[in-house]
Protein backbone atom coordinates (compact mmCIF):
# COMPACT_ATOMS: atom_id res chain seq x y z
CA UNK A 1 -0.04 -0.16 0.15
CA UNK A 2 0.72 3.39 -0.99
CA UNK A 3 1.25 5.73 2.07
CA UNK A 4 -0.79 8.52 2.13
CA UNK A 5 0.69 11.99 1.08
CA UNK A 6 -0.52 14.90 3.10
CA UNK A 7 0.12 18.70 1.12
CA UNK A 8 2.38 20.62 2.43
CA UNK A 9 2.94 24.44 2.09
CA UNK A 10 5.45 25.36 -1.13
CA UNK A 11 9.07 25.06 -0.24
CA UNK A 12 11.50 28.26 -0.50
CA UNK A 13 13.47 28.99 -3.09
CA UNK A 14 17.32 29.10 -3.68
CA UNK A 15 16.70 32.20 -2.86
CA UNK A 16 15.21 32.35 0.49
CA UNK A 17 11.77 33.59 -0.72
CA UNK A 18 8.67 31.20 -1.97
CA UNK A 19 7.11 31.61 -5.36
CA UNK A 20 4.15 33.14 -3.22
CA UNK A 21 6.35 36.19 -1.55
CA UNK A 22 8.37 36.67 -5.16
CA UNK A 23 5.36 37.91 -7.06
CA UNK A 24 3.93 39.53 -4.18
CA UNK A 25 7.00 41.95 -4.01
CA UNK A 26 7.11 41.81 -7.48
CA UNK A 27 3.25 43.40 -7.56
CA UNK A 28 4.27 46.01 -4.93
CA UNK A 29 7.87 47.20 -6.15
CA UNK A 30 6.26 48.31 -9.53
CA UNK A 31 3.48 51.27 -8.07
CA UNK A 32 6.10 52.44 -6.05
CA UNK A 33 8.68 53.19 -8.91
CA UNK A 34 6.04 54.54 -10.59
CA UNK A 35 4.82 56.84 -8.19
CA UNK A 36 8.48 58.36 -7.91
CA UNK A 37 8.17 60.37 -10.59
CA UNK A 38 5.42 62.49 -9.92
CA UNK A 39 7.18 63.97 -5.88
CA UNK A 40 9.10 65.82 -5.17
CA UNK A 41 13.28 64.19 -3.87
CA UNK A 42 11.99 64.84 -0.36
CA UNK A 43 8.67 63.49 0.03
CA UNK A 44 9.77 60.80 -2.30
CA UNK A 45 12.52 59.64 -0.22
CA UNK A 46 10.33 59.66 2.83
CA UNK A 47 7.08 57.92 1.34
CA UNK A 48 10.08 55.47 -0.08
CA UNK A 49 11.44 54.25 3.60
CA UNK A 50 7.17 54.08 4.85
CA UNK A 51 6.31 52.02 1.87
CA UNK A 52 9.45 49.86 2.22
CA UNK A 53 8.93 49.12 5.72
CA UNK A 54 5.36 48.32 4.95
CA UNK A 55 6.98 46.37 1.88
CA UNK A 56 8.86 44.41 4.53
CA UNK A 57 6.25 43.32 7.29
CA UNK A 58 4.37 42.17 4.34
CA UNK A 59 6.98 39.81 2.86
CA UNK A 60 7.39 38.34 6.74
CA UNK A 61 3.93 37.91 6.94
CA UNK A 62 3.76 35.66 4.03
CA UNK A 63 7.13 33.84 4.72
CA UNK A 64 5.51 32.79 7.86
CA UNK A 65 2.17 31.86 6.52
CA UNK A 66 3.86 29.72 3.80
CA UNK A 67 6.31 28.28 6.01
CA UNK A 68 6.98 24.45 5.61
CA UNK A 69 6.84 23.88 9.33
CA UNK A 70 2.94 24.65 9.26
CA UNK A 71 2.55 21.57 7.65
CA UNK A 72 2.80 18.97 10.70
CA UNK A 73 0.56 16.34 9.40
CA UNK A 74 2.72 13.40 9.64
CA UNK A 75 3.10 10.86 6.64
CA UNK A 76 1.74 7.41 7.64
CA UNK A 77 0.98 3.72 5.94
CA UNK A 78 -0.76 0.74 7.29
CA UNK A 79 1.27 -2.20 7.55
CA UNK A 80 0.33 -4.84 4.80
CA UNK A 81 -0.75 -7.68 7.15
CA UNK A 82 -1.58 -7.97 10.84
CA UNK A 83 1.74 -8.19 13.11
CA UNK A 84 1.24 -8.28 16.68
CA UNK A 85 3.18 -6.05 18.91
CA UNK A 86 3.14 -4.84 22.43
CA UNK A 87 0.64 -1.99 23.62
CA UNK A 88 -0.21 -0.13 26.82
CA UNK A 89 -2.73 -2.24 28.30
CA UNK A 90 -3.71 -6.18 27.98
CA UNK A 91 -5.01 -5.59 24.33
CA UNK A 92 -2.17 -5.92 22.07
CA UNK A 93 -1.77 -3.24 19.19
CA UNK A 94 -0.76 -5.46 16.03
CA UNK A 95 1.49 -3.00 13.79
CA UNK A 96 3.74 -0.37 14.64
CA UNK A 97 0.88 2.31 13.37
CA UNK A 98 0.94 5.29 16.00
CA UNK A 99 -2.68 6.60 15.02
CA UNK A 100 -5.55 5.08 14.10
CA UNK A 101 -6.27 7.63 11.90
CA UNK A 102 -8.22 4.55 9.35
CA UNK A 103 -11.18 4.08 12.17
CA UNK A 104 -13.22 1.79 8.47
CA UNK A 105 -9.92 -0.60 8.66
CA UNK A 106 -10.12 -3.88 8.90
CA UNK A 107 -7.29 -6.76 9.49
CA UNK A 108 -7.91 -10.42 8.39
CA UNK A 109 -6.89 -13.01 10.80
CA UNK A 110 -7.79 -16.52 11.25
CA UNK A 111 -8.77 -18.73 13.86
CA UNK A 112 -8.36 -22.56 14.96
CA UNK A 113 -10.33 -24.39 15.75
CA UNK A 114 -11.05 -28.61 16.35
CA UNK A 115 -13.14 -30.30 13.75
CA UNK A 116 -14.71 -33.68 13.85
CA UNK A 117 -13.45 -36.49 13.50
CA UNK A 118 -9.60 -35.18 12.84
CA UNK A 119 -9.48 -33.80 16.28
CA UNK A 120 -11.32 -36.69 18.01
CA UNK A 121 -8.61 -38.58 18.47
CA UNK A 122 -5.83 -36.42 17.59
CA UNK A 123 -5.90 -32.90 19.85
CA UNK A 124 -3.05 -31.47 17.46
CA UNK A 125 -5.34 -31.05 14.92
CA UNK A 126 -6.78 -28.07 14.35
CA UNK A 127 -8.16 -26.23 11.66
CA UNK A 128 -8.24 -21.99 10.04
CA UNK A 129 -11.24 -20.02 9.77
CA UNK A 130 -11.52 -16.95 8.45
CA UNK A 131 -12.12 -13.49 10.50
CA UNK A 132 -11.87 -10.26 10.11
CA UNK A 133 -10.50 -8.12 13.02
CA UNK A 134 -11.93 -4.26 13.18
CA UNK A 135 -8.78 -2.92 15.48
CA UNK A 136 -5.29 -3.91 15.16
CA UNK A 137 -5.78 -5.81 18.04
CA UNK A 138 -5.95 -8.53 15.91
CA UNK A 139 -3.86 -10.98 18.52
CA UNK A 140 -6.53 -10.24 21.22
CA UNK A 141 -9.69 -10.14 18.79
CA UNK A 142 -8.45 -13.93 17.63
CA UNK A 143 -8.46 -15.28 20.53
CA UNK A 144 -12.25 -14.04 21.61
CA UNK A 145 -13.11 -15.20 18.21
CA UNK A 146 -11.95 -18.81 19.48
CA UNK A 147 -13.81 -18.88 22.77
CA UNK A 148 -16.96 -17.67 20.89
CA UNK A 149 -16.53 -20.32 18.96
CA UNK A 150 -17.59 -21.61 15.33
CA UNK A 151 -21.01 -19.62 13.91
CA UNK A 152 -23.67 -21.87 12.86
CA UNK A 153 -22.27 -23.30 9.54
CA UNK A 154 -19.10 -23.48 11.24
CA UNK A 155 -20.67 -26.07 13.75
CA UNK A 156 -22.95 -27.45 11.05
CA UNK A 157 -19.00 -28.50 8.94
CA UNK A 158 -18.04 -30.13 12.00
CA UNK A 159 -15.90 -27.32 13.78
CA UNK A 160 -15.55 -27.13 17.32
CA UNK A 161 -13.49 -25.07 20.37
CA UNK A 162 -13.20 -27.06 23.29
CA UNK A 163 -12.30 -23.19 24.72
CA UNK A 164 -16.08 -21.83 24.11
CA UNK A 165 -17.89 -22.16 27.27
CA UNK A 166 -15.11 -23.81 29.30
CA UNK A 167 -14.60 -20.17 31.56
CA UNK A 168 -16.28 -19.70 34.43
CA UNK A 169 -16.09 -17.38 37.91
CA UNK A 170 -14.90 -13.97 38.27
CA UNK A 171 -12.11 -12.24 36.09
CA UNK A 172 -8.96 -11.63 38.24
CA UNK A 173 -8.39 -9.08 34.69
CA UNK A 174 -11.28 -6.64 35.57
CA UNK A 175 -13.99 -8.21 33.32
CA UNK A 176 -11.50 -9.89 30.77
CA UNK A 177 -10.99 -13.74 29.74
CA UNK A 178 -7.40 -13.33 29.44
CA UNK A 179 -4.97 -10.99 28.65
CA UNK A 180 -1.69 -11.27 26.26
CA UNK A 181 1.60 -9.95 27.35
CA UNK A 182 4.44 -10.50 24.27
CA UNK A 183 8.37 -10.50 24.54
CA UNK A 184 7.89 -12.42 27.69
CA UNK A 185 7.72 -16.27 29.26
CA UNK A 186 5.65 -15.80 32.17
CA UNK A 187 6.93 -12.44 33.82
CA UNK A 188 10.35 -12.93 32.40
CA UNK A 189 11.54 -11.06 29.22
CA UNK A 190 12.20 -13.31 26.45
CA UNK A 191 11.54 -12.03 22.57
CA UNK A 192 9.37 -13.48 20.55
CA UNK A 193 7.13 -15.62 23.55
CA UNK A 194 3.48 -14.55 23.79
CA UNK A 195 1.91 -15.18 27.28
CA UNK A 196 -1.97 -15.60 27.56
CA UNK A 197 -2.97 -15.72 31.23
CA UNK A 198 -6.69 -16.64 31.79
CA UNK A 199 -8.55 -14.51 34.27
CA UNK A 200 -11.26 -16.76 34.81
CA UNK A 201 -11.45 -20.54 35.71
CA UNK A 202 -10.81 -23.07 32.79
CA UNK A 203 -12.58 -26.87 32.92
CA UNK A 204 -11.08 -29.16 31.03
CA UNK A 205 -13.44 -32.02 30.42
CA UNK A 206 -11.79 -34.61 29.09
CA UNK A 207 -8.37 -36.17 28.83
CA UNK A 208 -7.52 -34.51 25.28
CA UNK A 209 -8.89 -31.06 25.78
CA UNK A 210 -6.81 -29.71 27.40
CA UNK A 211 -4.27 -30.59 24.25
CA UNK A 212 -7.11 -29.02 21.96
CA UNK A 213 -7.74 -26.38 23.63
CA UNK A 214 -3.12 -25.22 23.85
CA UNK A 215 -3.25 -26.23 19.95
CA UNK A 216 -6.16 -24.01 19.06
CA UNK A 217 -4.58 -20.91 21.25
CA UNK A 218 -1.05 -22.06 20.29
CA UNK A 219 -1.94 -22.35 16.50
CA UNK A 220 -4.09 -18.89 16.64
CA UNK A 221 -1.82 -16.97 17.90
CA UNK A 222 1.52 -18.31 16.05
CA UNK A 223 0.22 -17.20 13.01
CA UNK A 224 1.38 -13.46 13.39
CA UNK A 225 5.14 -13.17 12.51
CA UNK A 226 6.91 -12.17 15.85
CA UNK A 227 5.39 -14.75 18.04
CA UNK A 228 7.68 -17.93 17.53
CA UNK A 229 6.17 -19.12 20.97
CA UNK A 230 3.25 -18.91 22.99
CA UNK A 231 3.20 -19.84 26.60
CA UNK A 232 -0.45 -20.39 28.33
CA UNK A 233 -0.74 -19.97 32.16
CA UNK A 234 -3.90 -20.50 34.09
CA UNK A 235 -5.29 -18.13 36.36
CA UNK A 236 -3.37 -18.33 39.09
CA UNK A 237 -0.28 -18.40 36.60
CA UNK A 238 0.73 -22.10 37.14
CA UNK A 239 1.45 -23.56 33.19
CA UNK A 240 -2.06 -24.53 32.00
CA UNK A 241 -2.76 -28.21 31.50
CA UNK A 242 0.49 -29.32 32.97
CA UNK A 243 -0.78 -32.00 35.41
CA UNK A 244 3.12 -32.48 36.42
CA UNK A 245 2.84 -29.20 38.49
CA UNK A 246 6.38 -28.57 37.36
CA UNK A 247 5.80 -25.40 35.70
CA UNK A 248 7.52 -26.87 32.67
CA UNK A 249 6.49 -24.23 30.41
CA UNK A 250 8.00 -21.62 32.29
CA UNK A 251 11.28 -23.92 32.60
CA UNK A 252 11.32 -25.12 29.04
CA UNK A 253 14.49 -24.22 26.87
CA UNK A 254 14.14 -22.73 23.55
CA UNK A 255 14.91 -23.84 20.52
CA UNK A 256 14.46 -23.82 16.52
CA UNK A 257 13.43 -26.20 14.09
CA UNK A 258 14.62 -25.60 10.78
CA UNK A 259 11.65 -26.31 7.51
CA UNK A 260 12.05 -25.96 4.22
CA UNK A 261 9.41 -22.81 2.59
CA UNK A 262 7.47 -22.65 0.12
CA UNK A 263 8.79 -20.93 -2.30
CA UNK A 264 12.42 -20.44 -1.46
CA UNK A 265 13.09 -23.95 -0.81
CA UNK A 266 11.24 -25.30 -4.40
CA UNK A 267 14.44 -25.13 -6.73
CA UNK A 268 17.16 -24.64 -3.58
CA UNK A 269 17.05 -27.37 -0.69
CA UNK A 270 20.00 -25.79 1.24
CA UNK A 271 17.09 -23.17 1.88
CA UNK A 272 15.86 -23.82 4.86
CA UNK A 273 13.56 -21.61 8.23
CA UNK A 274 13.68 -21.59 12.01
CA UNK A 275 10.38 -21.66 13.71
CA UNK A 276 10.53 -21.40 17.56
CA UNK A 277 9.45 -25.17 20.01
CA UNK A 278 10.31 -24.97 23.33
CA UNK A 279 11.68 -28.08 24.81
CA UNK A 280 10.46 -29.26 28.39
CA UNK A 281 14.00 -30.94 29.06
CA UNK A 282 17.55 -30.02 29.17
CA UNK A 283 17.35 -33.08 25.96
CA UNK A 284 17.00 -30.86 23.86
CA UNK A 285 18.90 -31.95 20.34
CA UNK A 286 16.73 -35.05 20.38
CA UNK A 287 13.60 -33.14 21.15
CA UNK A 288 14.47 -30.52 18.43
CA UNK A 289 14.94 -33.47 15.47
CA UNK A 290 11.19 -35.24 17.06
CA UNK A 291 9.85 -31.70 16.26
CA UNK A 292 11.10 -31.75 12.45
CA UNK A 293 9.87 -35.48 12.22
CA UNK A 294 6.43 -34.50 13.33
CA UNK A 295 6.44 -31.50 11.14
CA UNK A 296 5.14 -27.75 11.12
CA UNK A 297 2.01 -26.94 13.05
CA UNK A 298 -1.38 -26.09 11.34
CA UNK A 299 -0.57 -22.73 12.20
CA UNK A 300 3.10 -22.70 10.16
CA UNK A 301 1.67 -24.83 7.70
CA UNK A 302 -0.76 -22.32 6.36
CA UNK A 303 2.31 -19.51 6.13
CA UNK A 304 3.96 -22.33 3.76
CA UNK A 305 6.61 -24.37 5.89
CA UNK A 306 6.88 -27.78 5.16
CA UNK A 307 9.49 -30.98 5.51
CA UNK A 308 9.48 -34.00 3.57
CA UNK A 309 10.94 -35.76 6.48
CA UNK A 310 7.23 -35.85 7.91
CA UNK A 311 6.00 -39.13 7.21
CA UNK A 312 8.75 -40.73 5.33
CA UNK A 313 9.59 -42.88 8.54
CA UNK A 314 8.41 -46.62 8.24
CA UNK A 315 9.70 -50.05 9.19
CA UNK A 316 10.24 -51.28 12.40
CA UNK A 317 12.68 -49.02 14.65
CA UNK A 318 16.17 -51.03 15.73
CA UNK A 319 16.91 -48.97 18.59
CA UNK A 320 13.52 -50.02 20.73
CA UNK A 321 11.22 -48.26 18.97
CA UNK A 322 12.79 -44.86 18.46
CA UNK A 323 12.93 -43.14 15.38
CA UNK A 324 16.28 -41.96 15.15
CA UNK A 325 19.54 -41.53 18.30
CA UNK A 326 22.15 -38.68 18.02
CA UNK A 327 25.62 -39.27 19.65
CA UNK A 328 27.82 -36.28 20.35
CA UNK A 329 30.92 -35.76 19.84
CA UNK A 330 31.27 -38.67 16.99
CA UNK A 331 31.96 -39.35 13.60
CA UNK A 332 29.67 -42.38 13.09
CA UNK A 333 31.49 -44.44 15.31
CA UNK A 334 34.91 -42.85 15.81
CA UNK A 335 35.38 -40.28 18.32
CA UNK A 336 35.45 -36.83 16.82
CA UNK A 337 35.25 -33.78 18.98
CA UNK A 338 32.20 -31.17 17.95
CA UNK A 339 30.50 -34.00 15.61
CA UNK A 340 27.28 -34.51 16.16
CA UNK A 341 26.19 -38.27 14.30
CA UNK A 342 22.13 -39.03 14.08
CA UNK A 343 21.41 -42.42 13.22
CA UNK A 344 17.68 -43.09 11.73
CA UNK A 345 16.31 -46.20 13.28
CA UNK A 346 13.35 -46.64 10.44
CA UNK A 347 13.77 -46.98 6.58
CA UNK A 348 13.55 -43.05 5.45
CA UNK A 349 11.71 -42.94 2.07
CA UNK A 350 13.33 -40.43 -0.33
CA UNK A 351 9.72 -38.92 -2.73
CA UNK A 352 11.87 -36.96 -5.08
CA UNK A 353 15.30 -35.72 -6.56
CA UNK A 354 15.56 -33.38 -4.17
CA UNK A 355 14.40 -34.79 -0.69
CA UNK A 356 17.26 -36.97 0.61
CA UNK A 357 18.93 -32.94 0.50
CA UNK A 358 15.92 -30.91 2.11
CA UNK A 359 16.26 -33.20 4.68
CA UNK A 360 19.79 -33.33 4.92
CA UNK A 361 19.70 -29.46 4.99
CA UNK A 362 16.91 -29.55 7.88
CA UNK A 363 18.51 -31.51 10.19
CA UNK A 364 21.78 -30.24 10.02
CA UNK A 365 20.32 -26.42 10.72
CA UNK A 366 18.53 -27.67 13.64
CA UNK A 367 21.41 -29.48 15.05
CA UNK A 368 24.21 -27.12 14.03
CA UNK A 369 21.71 -24.72 16.42
CA UNK A 370 23.64 -26.17 19.54
CA UNK A 371 27.42 -24.25 20.38
CA UNK A 372 29.28 -27.73 20.87
CA UNK A 373 28.00 -29.05 17.72
CA UNK A 374 30.04 -28.29 14.51
CA UNK A 375 29.47 -30.66 12.19
CA UNK A 376 26.72 -33.57 11.61
CA UNK A 377 26.84 -36.81 9.99
CA UNK A 378 23.86 -38.48 9.05
CA UNK A 379 23.83 -42.31 8.85
CA UNK A 380 20.71 -44.27 7.40
CA UNK A 381 19.27 -47.15 9.48
CA UNK A 382 22.02 -49.60 8.17
CA UNK A 383 25.11 -47.40 9.50
CA UNK A 384 25.60 -46.20 6.05
CA UNK A 385 25.82 -42.31 4.99
CA UNK A 386 22.46 -41.57 4.57
CA UNK A 387 21.18 -40.01 0.74
CA UNK A 388 24.71 -41.58 -0.50
CA UNK A 389 24.78 -42.69 -3.79
CA UNK A 390 28.04 -43.32 -4.46
CA UNK A 391 28.19 -46.47 -1.77
CA UNK A 392 31.47 -45.12 -0.72
CA UNK A 393 29.95 -43.36 2.96
CA UNK A 394 31.55 -40.50 2.35
CA UNK A 395 30.51 -38.51 5.13
CA UNK A 396 32.50 -41.28 7.72
CA UNK A 397 35.79 -40.43 5.22
């Protein structure tokens, strides 16, 4: 969108006078010269001095009226797409605009609901529906719509929200159902993390209901580019749906998972892009690769992230049920400081010419984020170099 351009007063010319003041001076001086030829020298000089004083005052008035300093209306451009940002209230604004000069504007957002039958046995399965926010407070609006639940036509199509109707009791936030704080994990500053805290009691009616609620809220907030991780707290400040009582969401370790991204990765398999995750344990390398195999979240998928690794593993595991193993400071079976070896425990199907290269790039970038890893070796379940059609196991040389 092109920024609106506001009219400004004429700019001064190189001589210091505006075009308007220059024309005014020419028309005022001409009568003075003509009149001086019809009166005596003394009177002419006296009259000329008075007239010149008046002319100077007029010129200064014109210059002041036309000065650019009077054009104090700022140039602004509304954002092309909503991005949640911090605000001074509990309802976050959604752009860097400092004014709400366009009250009639609207901003498209997505709300992620569960849906029968896909979500019945898989609480992570959520699906987007479109909404339009009337204000820049898009993050708050989207969660409000999640709590309101799907429309009648959406319910008829199978959409449902576990959050709808689950809140009860008195609000601890002056009447609001929740508040969102950006770039914070609980009360600790953390760039890219959004904390949603409920202000009312939330009932979790079944074993999978909490997982569905978390998936609905997390995906709804992750649609905004500056939200990389989401923490959800109860009204008392405890981690939502954490039955361990350890508040793991507040002590989790921030990691990145590198996925391919349409269209940047389509012709260049080495191009990968990170998304955020919170590892509940110190096993951050294993957790990150597990998240890579799981694939992008629905909101990330809608933003064009993908991985050929999701769904590519099959067959019996030769690691006691695990999909892979990671050995640090080893190149295969040989000790080597700084080298991490990932070995698949199941067969990995390579669906296309660039598939192996994409999987390699995703795994390498995901594991190299950790400073102790300076080199990555990837082996198939037979211990041979992954995606090495030479048969020479070059990765182990």
